């Protein structure tokens, strides 16, 4: 895991357990101001009890207490959908309290 070796204080893994079984996990990338969640996943058991949601709420509190300015849950862009985004993923993130920030992309021909 080369990325973690280069940034050992900025990449962390958080998991939720039931009876020593991982039922949800999220990888966090952080800097002085921003927390970026990536690779959130849950098992079938975790999905039934909304373990990933629980984990996100716990992480919000943890990083709010560390005075982070933003908790970034990532994009919902998915061009396999007619609207260009995944509405189910957007709904999940909005249910967790997220708001939409538009990102501009620029292309420079060299």
Foldseek 3Di string as FASTA:
>chain_A
DVVCVVPVPFWDKDFDDDPNDTFWIWIWGDDLAEIEIDDTDGDPVCVVVVVSLVVVVVVVVVVVVVVHHYYHDDAQADCVDPVRGDVVVVVVVVVSPDDDDDDDDDDDDD
